[in-house]
Amino acid sequence: MSSSEEIRRIYTDPRLPGPRKRDRIFAYLYALEEHGVPVAVEALIAADERYLAGYLAQYLELTPGYAEQKSRAAEALREHEELVRSAARLVPWLPEKTLHGLIDDYLAAGDPDAPVASVIYNIGTFRPELLRPVADQIHDDDIQLGLLSGAPDHEAQQLLDQWEVTKDPHHLVQLAFMRTPFASQALLGVRDEFDGSPEWQTLLELSGALPDSSLPAGHSPAYMGFVAEHGRSPHQVALPMSGEVPVCHLCETPAGHLLTLSAKDLPYELTADPTFYWYTCGCEDIGSTTVRTEPGRTTVYYGPQGLADPDFSFAGGARSLVLELHPNQVGVTTRGLTGQPPHQVGGLPQWVRPEIHPRCPECSGVMRFLAFMNSAQMPFGRQLKLGGIVYCFWCDDCHVSSTKVQS
């Protein structure tokens, strides 16, 4: 039986619900040479059912690289009015020629709800500069939100002028989402009108600056992150743990290891390997944890600590995080969605709801954003279950990590 026939057999198995079909297809592909990417591409090009195309495109979305093959698949999907929506998952790897063709398709359709609109949303997320010249022809608020990223200074000045007249905070929110030096300076200029309130601090951090430091709110460059087998990358995910970790103050379940980044393999001049934890129990009142990790010693702030569960892993075993440069280095401004990969290292947070950065309990400084991990599907055929998007902040001076979740 050929690979295409096996994928078809799994997809048409009436005993399997949709999510199980997807997981089986993922697990089958991952076991093949090159983790099945060439097979997935050819199957996607030949697909004629929406859900099968969606499964295959999602699998490719979870796999770094293979830009040329993904572009071939996207060009084939353009020929199918309904299937083209699956090309949205491939946007980060598509060349400008293909992206411009998809933009032309959307404008020619004349329907803001056409299937290709999903692709345009992701172009606005990853490559907003390509949509900005036709912004006046796009009548979708979610896509327009993405276009704020890196907007020119004259648009920022218009928002600042509108704020001065109306005092409507919505104008400052839009200004912050531009995430440019001009926007940050403009927000610094209105600080006195907010008397240093948390609302002003949130706006400033959204723009990429910190209220008490000359350092940026995040790290550059930004990377997309892809969960892969253990050892493929020096950045580690979901390690089985021993020793002390944070413990839920409600049910006393120990937290699990989420992510350890290798400082020497990142261009951020970090002095230690940041390690982040998250809770495994799902108790609703648990929203954050803050930890200092030193050789042979773990200090948990604002909550109890105890022994780790050595048999637990969020990913069913030790994994790694492969990094690939993010197409949007200014900062994504569309709303974060639980279950929507990729993960991210560096850059600025893609918030579900904009929120203030935590402060380090050691030095009281505002902590810089370093990463987020999403409750997303993995290419192995199972989900990384975190209860939402877990945002990771790091104080390099004190070697303190802080994580908080939104869903």
Protein backbone atom coordinates (compact mmCIF):
# COMPACT_ATOMS: atom_id res chain seq x y z
CA MET A 1 0.00 0.00 0.00
CA SER A 2 1.41 3.40 -0.98
CA SER A 3 1.68 6.29 1.47
CA SER A 4 -1.16 8.13 -0.27
CA GLU A 5 -3.36 5.04 -0.01
CA GLU A 6 -2.57 4.69 3.69
CA ILE A 7 -3.51 8.31 4.34
CA ARG A 8 -6.72 7.77 2.39
CA ARG A 9 -7.46 4.60 4.36
CA ILE A 10 -7.09 6.44 7.68
CA TYR A 11 -9.15 9.39 6.50
CA THR A 12 -12.06 7.26 5.27
CA ASP A 13 -12.14 4.91 8.30
CA PRO A 14 -15.73 5.32 9.57
CA ARG A 15 -14.76 4.13 13.06
CA LEU A 16 -12.52 7.14 13.68
CA PRO A 17 -13.84 10.60 14.66
CA GLY A 18 -12.17 13.59 13.01
CA PRO A 19 -9.56 14.33 15.72
CA ARG A 20 -8.49 10.68 15.82
CA LYS A 21 -8.11 10.64 12.04
CA ARG A 22 -5.90 13.71 12.25
CA ASP A 23 -3.78 12.20 15.03
CA ARG A 24 -3.34 8.94 13.13
CA ILE A 25 -2.34 10.77 9.95
CA PHE A 26 0.16 12.87 11.90
CA ALA A 27 1.71 9.86 13.62
CA TYR A 28 1.94 7.98 10.32
CA LEU A 29 3.61 10.89 8.52
CA TYR A 30 6.08 11.60 11.32
CA ALA A 31 7.41 8.05 11.15
CA LEU A 32 8.33 8.39 7.45
CA GLU A 33 11.59 9.64 5.96
CA GLU A 34 12.00 13.43 6.35
CA HIS A 35 9.10 13.12 8.79
CA GLY A 36 6.75 12.61 5.88
CA VAL A 37 6.85 16.18 4.61
CA PRO A 38 7.24 15.24 0.90
CA VAL A 39 4.40 12.73 1.26
CA ALA A 40 2.18 15.28 3.02
CA VAL A 41 2.84 17.85 0.29
CA GLU A 42 1.94 15.48 -2.54
CA ALA A 43 -1.17 14.30 -0.68
CA LEU A 44 -2.23 17.91 -0.10
CA ILE A 45 -1.77 18.77 -3.77
CA ALA A 46 -3.99 15.80 -4.69
CA ALA A 47 -6.60 16.37 -1.94
CA ASP A 48 -10.18 17.05 -2.93
CA GLU A 49 -11.85 17.12 0.52
CA ARG A 50 -11.75 20.15 2.79
CA TYR A 51 -11.03 18.33 6.04
CA LEU A 52 -8.31 16.12 4.61
CA ALA A 53 -6.65 19.20 3.12
CA GLY A 54 -6.91 20.87 6.52
CA TYR A 55 -5.24 17.96 8.33
CA LEU A 56 -2.37 17.83 5.87
CA ALA A 57 -1.83 21.60 5.90
CA GLN A 58 -1.88 21.60 9.70
CA TYR A 59 0.79 18.90 9.73
CA LEU A 60 3.00 20.97 7.45
CA GLU A 61 2.38 24.02 9.66
CA LEU A 62 3.91 22.11 12.58
CA THR A 63 7.09 21.37 10.62
CA PRO A 64 9.84 23.97 10.05
CA GLY A 65 11.48 24.49 6.69
CA TYR A 66 10.50 22.99 3.31
CA ALA A 67 9.49 26.40 1.97
CA GLU A 68 9.68 25.35 -1.70
CA GLN A 69 7.47 22.30 -1.20
CA LYS A 70 4.94 24.25 0.88
CA SER A 71 4.79 26.89 -1.84
CA ARG A 72 3.97 24.20 -4.42
CA ALA A 73 1.13 23.01 -2.22
CA ALA A 74 -0.21 26.54 -1.76
CA GLU A 75 -0.20 27.20 -5.50
CA ALA A 76 -2.18 24.00 -6.03
CA LEU A 77 -4.67 24.99 -3.33
CA ARG A 78 -5.28 28.31 -5.11
CA GLU A 79 -7.03 26.33 -7.86
CA HIS A 80 -9.72 25.13 -5.42
CA GLU A 81 -12.14 27.78 -4.16
CA GLU A 82 -13.00 25.83 -1.00
CA LEU A 83 -9.64 24.18 -0.27
CA VAL A 84 -7.64 27.40 -0.57
CA ARG A 85 -8.41 28.23 3.07
CA SER A 86 -5.88 25.52 4.05
CA ALA A 87 -3.12 27.59 2.43
CA ALA A 88 -3.45 29.96 5.41
CA ARG A 89 -1.37 27.53 7.46
CA LEU A 90 1.51 27.77 4.97
CA VAL A 91 1.77 31.58 4.81
CA PRO A 92 5.02 31.91 6.86
CA TRP A 93 6.93 29.98 4.18
CA LEU A 94 5.39 31.40 1.00
CA PRO A 95 7.34 33.68 -1.37
CA GLU A 96 6.05 37.15 -2.11
CA LYS A 97 4.93 36.16 -5.61
CA THR A 98 2.56 33.53 -4.18
CA LEU A 99 1.37 35.85 -1.42
CA HIS A 100 0.63 38.64 -3.90
CA GLY A 101 -1.30 36.15 -6.03
CA LEU A 102 -3.43 35.17 -3.05
CA ILE A 103 -4.06 38.85 -2.25
CA ASP A 104 -5.18 39.40 -5.85
CA ASP A 105 -7.51 36.38 -5.56
CA TYR A 106 -9.10 37.88 -2.44
CA LEU A 107 -9.63 41.29 -4.01
CA ALA A 108 -11.05 39.75 -7.18
CA ALA A 109 -13.50 37.63 -5.17
CA GLY A 110 -15.12 40.77 -3.77
CA ASP A 111 -16.41 38.78 -0.79
CA PRO A 112 -14.92 39.44 2.68
CA ASP A 113 -16.10 35.99 3.76
CA ALA A 114 -14.64 34.06 0.82
CA PRO A 115 -12.51 31.01 1.84
CA VAL A 116 -9.35 32.85 0.78
CA ALA A 117 -10.04 35.40 3.54
CA SER A 118 -8.43 32.96 6.01
CA VAL A 119 -5.22 33.27 4.01
CA ILE A 120 -5.42 37.07 3.99
CA TYR A 121 -5.80 37.08 7.78
CA ASN A 122 -2.53 35.17 8.14
CA ILE A 123 -0.78 37.39 5.59
CA GLY A 124 -1.81 40.30 7.80
CA THR A 125 -0.34 38.46 10.78
CA PHE A 126 2.97 37.39 9.28
CA ARG A 127 3.54 39.85 6.41
CA PRO A 128 1.40 42.95 7.10
CA GLU A 129 3.55 45.15 4.87
CA LEU A 130 2.24 43.26 1.82
CA LEU A 131 -1.38 44.14 2.62
CA ARG A 132 -0.86 47.74 3.65
CA PRO A 133 -0.98 49.12 0.06
CA VAL A 134 -4.52 47.68 -0.37
CA ALA A 135 -5.72 48.28 3.18
CA ASP A 136 -8.58 50.51 2.00
CA GLN A 137 -10.03 47.51 0.10
CA ILE A 138 -10.06 45.23 3.15
CA HIS A 139 -13.19 45.55 5.27
CA ASP A 140 -12.41 43.16 8.07
CA ASP A 141 -11.55 44.44 11.55
CA ASP A 142 -9.42 41.41 12.45
CA ILE A 143 -7.25 41.77 9.35
CA GLN A 144 -6.97 45.51 9.92
CA LEU A 145 -5.69 44.85 13.43
CA GLY A 146 -2.79 42.90 11.95
CA LEU A 147 -1.92 45.81 9.68
CA LEU A 148 -1.12 48.03 12.67
CA SER A 149 2.19 46.15 13.05
CA GLY A 150 4.95 48.39 11.70
CA ALA A 151 2.56 51.06 10.39
CA PRO A 152 4.27 54.24 9.13
CA ASP A 153 4.94 57.18 11.43
CA HIS A 154 2.40 59.47 9.77
CA GLU A 155 -0.39 57.04 10.71
CA ALA A 156 0.92 56.96 14.26
CA GLN A 157 0.89 60.75 14.36
CA GLN A 158 -2.73 60.78 13.18
CA LEU A 159 -3.70 58.50 16.08
CA LEU A 160 -1.82 60.69 18.53
CA ASP A 161 -3.59 63.76 17.16
CA GLN A 162 -6.97 61.99 17.50
CA TRP A 163 -6.14 61.09 21.09
CA GLU A 164 -5.33 64.71 21.91
CA VAL A 165 -8.76 65.77 20.63
CA THR A 166 -10.98 62.93 21.89
CA LYS A 167 -8.99 61.37 24.78
CA ASP A 168 -10.39 58.06 23.53
CA PRO A 169 -7.97 55.36 24.81
CA HIS A 170 -8.77 53.22 21.75
CA HIS A 171 -6.48 55.50 19.72
CA LEU A 172 -3.60 54.84 22.11
CA VAL A 173 -4.20 51.09 21.98
CA GLN A 174 -3.89 51.22 18.20
CA LEU A 175 -0.80 53.37 18.55
CA ALA A 176 0.79 50.84 20.91
CA PHE A 177 0.06 47.97 18.52
CA MET A 178 2.15 49.67 15.84
CA ARG A 179 5.19 48.59 17.87
CA THR A 180 7.54 51.14 16.32
CA PRO A 181 10.06 53.50 17.99
CA PHE A 182 7.81 56.44 17.05
CA ALA A 183 4.84 54.82 18.80
CA SER A 184 6.87 54.13 21.95
CA GLN A 185 8.12 57.71 22.09
CA ALA A 186 4.59 59.02 21.60
CA LEU A 187 3.35 56.93 24.54
CA LEU A 188 6.21 58.14 26.71
CA GLY A 189 5.03 61.65 25.91
CA VAL A 190 1.56 61.08 27.41
CA ARG A 191 2.76 59.39 30.61
CA ASP A 192 1.84 62.31 32.87
CA GLU A 193 -1.78 62.14 31.73
CA PHE A 194 -2.00 58.57 33.11
CA ASP A 195 -0.05 59.28 36.33
CA GLY A 196 1.95 56.06 35.84
CA SER A 197 -1.14 53.83 35.92
CA PRO A 198 -1.05 50.13 34.94
CA GLU A 199 -3.06 51.02 31.82
CA TRP A 200 -0.25 53.26 30.58
CA GLN A 201 2.38 50.66 31.45
CA THR A 202 0.47 48.02 29.48
CA LEU A 203 0.32 50.32 26.46
CA LEU A 204 4.05 51.08 26.65
CA GLU A 205 4.97 47.40 26.94
CA LEU A 206 2.68 46.58 24.02
CA SER A 207 4.64 49.08 21.95
CA GLY A 208 7.88 47.27 22.78
CA ALA A 209 9.33 49.46 25.56
CA LEU A 210 9.62 49.11 29.34
CA PRO A 211 8.59 51.79 31.87
CA ASP A 212 11.69 51.53 34.08
CA SER A 213 14.47 50.48 31.72
CA SER A 214 16.15 51.41 28.46
CA LEU A 215 15.94 47.75 27.43
CA PRO A 216 13.20 46.70 24.99
CA ALA A 217 10.20 44.74 26.27
CA GLY A 218 11.26 41.64 24.30
CA HIS A 219 14.28 40.18 22.55
CA SER A 220 15.42 40.38 18.94
CA PRO A 221 15.23 38.54 16.63
CA ALA A 222 11.93 36.69 16.99
CA TYR A 223 11.65 33.01 16.12
CA MET A 224 8.80 30.63 15.45
CA GLY A 225 9.12 27.47 17.55
CA PHE A 226 8.32 23.89 16.53
CA VAL A 227 8.14 20.95 18.94
CA ALA A 228 10.35 18.13 17.66
CA GLU A 229 11.98 14.96 18.91
CA HIS A 230 14.42 15.18 21.81
CA GLY A 231 17.94 16.13 20.75
CA ARG A 232 17.04 17.80 17.48
CA SER A 233 17.54 21.23 19.09
CA PRO A 234 19.41 22.41 22.21
CA HIS A 235 16.18 24.02 23.46
CA GLN A 236 14.29 21.50 25.60
CA VAL A 237 10.55 20.97 26.00
CA ALA A 238 8.55 18.95 28.54
CA LEU A 239 11.44 17.18 30.28
CA PRO A 240 10.53 14.61 32.95
CA MET A 241 11.72 16.26 36.18
CA SER A 242 13.23 15.35 39.52
CA GLY A 243 13.89 17.69 42.43
CA GLU A 244 11.70 20.57 43.54
CA VAL A 245 9.21 22.43 41.36
CA PRO A 246 6.22 24.73 41.95
CA VAL A 247 3.19 23.00 43.48
CA CYS A 248 -0.45 24.01 43.03
CA HIS A 249 -1.62 25.69 46.23
CA LEU A 250 -5.13 24.31 45.68
CA CYS A 251 -4.62 20.61 44.93
CA GLU A 252 -0.88 20.16 45.67
CA THR A 253 -0.16 18.73 42.21
CA PRO A 254 3.42 19.47 41.13
CA ALA A 255 4.03 21.63 38.06
CA GLY A 256 5.76 20.20 35.01
CA HIS A 257 8.76 21.40 33.05
CA LEU A 258 7.64 23.47 30.07
CA LEU A 259 10.72 24.91 28.39
CA THR A 260 14.45 25.42 28.89
CA LEU A 261 16.20 27.65 26.38
CA SER A 262 19.91 27.27 25.69
CA ALA A 263 21.43 30.71 26.32
CA LYS A 264 24.56 30.05 24.24
CA ASP A 265 22.45 29.06 21.24
CA LEU A 266 20.45 32.31 21.24
CA PRO A 267 21.71 35.78 20.15
CA TYR A 268 20.31 37.46 23.28
CA GLU A 269 23.46 37.60 25.49
CA LEU A 270 21.72 35.74 28.31
CA THR A 271 23.86 34.69 31.27
CA ALA A 272 21.91 31.54 32.18
CA ASP A 273 19.55 29.04 30.56
CA PRO A 274 15.99 30.26 31.25
CA THR A 275 13.74 27.50 32.56
CA PHE A 276 9.96 27.77 32.72
CA TYR A 277 7.39 25.62 34.50
CA TRP A 278 3.64 25.27 34.23
CA TYR A 279 0.91 23.55 36.21
CA THR A 280 -0.49 20.19 35.17
CA CYS A 281 -3.68 20.19 37.21
CA GLY A 282 -5.80 22.78 35.39
CA CYS A 283 -7.08 24.45 38.58
CA GLU A 284 -8.84 27.62 37.41
CA ASP A 285 -7.38 29.97 40.04
CA ILE A 286 -3.79 29.27 39.00
CA GLY A 287 -2.72 32.03 36.61
CA SER A 288 1.06 32.33 37.01
CA THR A 289 4.19 31.00 38.63
CA THR A 290 7.56 32.61 39.34
CA VAL A 291 10.73 30.57 39.91
CA ARG A 292 14.46 31.07 40.40
CA THR A 293 16.47 28.10 39.23
CA GLU A 294 20.08 27.73 40.38
CA PRO A 295 22.40 24.71 40.33
CA GLY A 296 21.01 22.35 42.97
CA ARG A 297 18.38 24.81 44.17
CA THR A 298 14.89 25.93 43.14
CA THR A 299 13.13 28.90 44.75
CA VAL A 300 9.40 29.34 44.12
CA TYR A 301 7.88 32.75 44.86
CA TYR A 302 4.24 33.43 45.84
CA GLY A 303 3.40 29.74 46.31
CA PRO A 304 4.49 26.34 47.60
CA GLN A 305 7.06 24.00 46.12
CA GLY A 306 7.57 20.27 46.36
CA LEU A 307 8.95 17.24 44.59
CA ALA A 308 8.30 16.82 40.88
CA ASP A 309 6.44 13.89 39.39
CA PRO A 310 9.22 12.06 37.49
CA ASP A 311 6.70 10.25 35.30
CA PHE A 312 4.97 13.38 33.98
CA SER A 313 5.66 15.18 30.71
CA PHE A 314 3.38 17.64 28.90
CA ALA A 315 4.46 16.08 25.60
CA GLY A 316 4.50 12.40 26.55
CA GLY A 317 8.29 12.47 26.88
CA ALA A 318 11.24 14.79 26.44
CA ARG A 319 11.10 16.92 23.29
CA SER A 320 12.98 19.87 21.83
CA LEU A 321 12.04 23.20 20.26
CA VAL A 322 13.37 23.92 16.77
CA LEU A 323 13.57 27.62 15.92
CA GLU A 324 13.05 29.37 12.60
CA LEU A 325 13.12 33.14 12.03
CA HIS A 326 9.69 34.73 12.32
CA PRO A 327 8.49 36.54 9.15
CA ASN A 328 7.15 39.43 11.26
CA GLN A 329 10.02 40.92 13.23
CA VAL A 330 8.06 44.04 14.27
CA GLY A 331 5.58 42.10 16.40
CA VAL A 332 2.31 40.29 15.75
CA THR A 333 -0.73 42.36 16.73
CA THR A 334 -3.56 39.95 15.92
CA ARG A 335 -5.16 38.25 18.92
CA GLY A 336 -3.50 35.11 20.24
CA LEU A 337 -5.63 32.01 19.75
CA THR A 338 -5.31 28.89 21.89
CA GLY A 339 -4.39 25.90 19.77
CA GLN A 340 -2.96 27.95 16.91
CA PRO A 341 0.75 27.25 16.39
CA PRO A 342 3.56 28.15 16.02
CA HIS A 343 5.15 28.76 19.40
CA GLN A 344 7.48 31.75 19.70
CA VAL A 345 10.86 32.68 21.16
CA GLY A 346 11.90 36.33 21.22
CA GLY A 347 9.96 39.24 19.80
CA LEU A 348 6.91 40.56 21.63
CA PRO A 349 3.95 38.60 23.03
CA GLN A 350 0.89 37.84 20.90
CA TRP A 351 -1.61 38.39 23.68
CA VAL A 352 -5.09 36.94 23.95
CA ARG A 353 -5.77 40.03 26.09
CA PRO A 354 -3.07 42.69 26.60
CA GLU A 355 -1.66 42.42 30.10
CA ILE A 356 1.10 44.01 32.17
CA HIS A 357 4.49 42.26 32.35
CA PRO A 358 5.37 40.69 35.72
CA ARG A 359 8.00 42.23 38.01
CA CYS A 360 11.00 40.30 39.26
CA PRO A 361 10.62 39.50 42.99
CA GLU A 362 14.38 39.91 43.49
CA CYS A 363 15.13 43.29 41.86
CA SER A 364 11.56 44.62 41.31
CA GLY A 365 12.34 45.34 37.65
CA VAL A 366 9.78 44.72 34.93
CA MET A 367 10.61 41.40 33.28
CA ARG A 368 11.20 41.09 29.54
CA PHE A 369 9.13 38.77 27.40
CA LEU A 370 11.10 35.77 26.14
CA ALA A 371 8.73 33.10 24.78
CA PHE A 372 5.27 31.65 24.61
CA MET A 373 4.08 28.08 24.24
CA ASN A 374 0.62 27.29 22.92
CA SER A 375 -1.74 24.44 23.72
CA ALA A 376 -1.23 23.19 20.21
CA GLN A 377 -1.20 19.95 18.29
CA MET A 378 2.21 18.31 17.91
CA PRO A 379 3.42 16.43 14.82
CA PHE A 380 3.58 13.20 16.83
CA GLY A 381 -0.19 12.84 16.86
CA ARG A 382 -1.02 14.32 20.27
CA GLN A 383 -1.60 17.74 21.83
CA LEU A 384 0.57 19.86 24.11
CA LYS A 385 -2.07 20.46 26.78
CA LEU A 386 -1.35 23.64 28.72
CA GLY A 387 -4.83 25.07 29.21
CA GLY A 388 -4.16 28.06 26.96
CA ILE A 389 -1.18 30.12 25.85
CA VAL A 390 1.62 30.22 28.44
CA TYR A 391 3.68 33.42 28.25
CA CYS A 392 7.26 33.26 29.55
CA PHE A 393 9.17 36.22 31.04
CA TRP A 394 12.77 36.32 32.22
CA CYS A 395 14.95 38.51 34.45
CA ASP A 396 18.48 37.72 33.33
CA ASP A 397 20.14 39.67 36.14
CA CYS A 398 18.42 37.57 38.80
CA HIS A 399 17.88 34.33 36.82
CA VAL A 400 14.15 34.43 37.61
CA SER A 401 11.46 33.13 35.27
CA SER A 402 7.77 33.95 35.38
CA THR A 403 5.00 32.29 33.40
CA LYS A 404 1.35 33.28 33.06
CA VAL A 405 -1.50 31.72 31.11
CA GLN A 406 -4.35 33.16 29.04
CA SER A 407 -7.09 31.24 27.25
